Amino acid sequence: MQYRVLTPDSTAVIVGHVIAHVSDHTSDHPHALIESVDRVAYYVPNDAAIAEARSNGKLTPNAFVQLRDISIAD
């Protein structure tokens, strides 16, 4: 399986399912691990929208997601 790490200057369209939520060991920031329908694993830093969705019970492991035109920024 291929993987892609999204950085603050990355953009992507991701359709797939949430594998897990993890913490980066160097920065201690949360990230989502998402497997797209084309079998690419994305390591996505949490932003305000992802944090809000998680707090509302969305983006649970195995949930199907569609993230469009996401741009990660600090």
Protein backbone atom coordinates (compact mmCIF):
# COMPACT_ATOMS: atom_id res chain seq x y z
CA MET A 1 0.00 0.00 0.00
CA GLN A 2 1.24 3.48 -0.82
CA TYR A 3 1.12 6.28 1.71
CA ARG A 4 1.15 10.06 1.62
CA VAL A 5 2.00 12.41 4.47
CA LEU A 6 0.16 15.71 4.21
CA THR A 7 2.15 18.76 5.29
CA PRO A 8 0.91 22.30 6.03
CA ASP A 9 1.32 23.29 2.36
CA SER A 10 -0.40 20.15 1.00
CA THR A 11 -3.82 19.93 -0.62
CA ALA A 12 -5.76 16.76 -1.37
CA VAL A 13 -9.13 15.21 -2.11
CA ILE A 14 -9.59 12.05 -0.06
CA VAL A 15 -12.45 9.53 -0.24
CA GLY A 16 -12.08 6.49 1.98
CA HIS A 17 -12.34 5.26 5.54
CA VAL A 18 -10.74 6.30 8.79
CA ILE A 19 -8.20 3.75 10.00
CA ALA A 20 -7.22 5.43 13.28
CA HIS A 21 -6.33 8.64 15.06
CA VAL A 22 -2.73 8.89 16.23
CA SER A 23 -0.32 11.36 17.83
CA ASP A 24 2.86 12.44 16.09
CA HIS A 25 5.74 11.31 18.29
CA THR A 26 7.92 14.34 17.57
CA SER A 27 5.33 17.12 17.82
CA ASP A 28 2.61 15.37 19.89
CA HIS A 29 -0.02 16.76 17.48
CA PRO A 30 -2.99 14.55 16.56
CA HIS A 31 -3.33 13.10 13.05
CA ALA A 32 -5.93 11.00 11.24
CA LEU A 33 -4.85 7.95 9.28
CA ILE A 34 -7.23 7.52 6.32
CA GLU A 35 -7.17 4.83 3.62
CA SER A 36 -8.54 6.12 0.33
CA VAL A 37 -10.62 4.05 -2.07
CA ASP A 38 -7.59 3.88 -4.37
CA ARG A 39 -5.61 2.17 -1.54
CA VAL A 40 -3.42 5.11 -0.51
CA ALA A 41 -2.99 5.70 3.22
CA TYR A 42 -3.03 9.40 4.15
CA TYR A 43 -1.48 10.77 7.33
CA VAL A 44 -3.56 13.94 7.87
CA PRO A 45 -2.75 16.49 10.58
CA ASN A 46 -5.83 17.48 12.57
CA ASP A 47 -7.15 20.97 11.91
CA ALA A 48 -10.13 22.75 13.50
CA ALA A 49 -12.66 21.03 11.18
CA ILE A 50 -11.30 17.55 11.91
CA ALA A 51 -11.17 18.25 15.66
CA GLU A 52 -14.78 19.47 15.60
CA ALA A 53 -15.98 16.44 13.62
CA ARG A 54 -14.25 14.11 16.07
CA SER A 55 -15.77 15.88 19.07
CA ASN A 56 -19.21 15.46 17.46
CA GLY A 57 -18.72 11.68 17.16
CA LYS A 58 -17.82 11.70 13.47
CA LEU A 59 -14.58 10.38 11.94
CA THR A 60 -14.59 7.30 14.12
CA PRO A 61 -12.43 4.37 13.01
CA ASN A 62 -13.99 2.62 9.99
CA ALA A 63 -16.20 5.64 9.18
CA PHE A 64 -16.42 6.45 5.48
CA VAL A 65 -15.24 10.01 4.79
CA GLN A 66 -15.00 12.42 1.91
CA LEU A 67 -12.55 15.27 2.44
CA ARG A 68 -12.60 17.70 -0.46
CA ASP A 69 -10.17 20.50 -1.26
CA ILE A 70 -8.54 20.24 2.12
CA SER A 71 -5.64 22.49 2.80
CA ILE A 72 -3.70 21.91 5.99
CA ALA A 73 -2.41 25.03 7.74
CA ASP A 74 -1.22 25.83 11.26
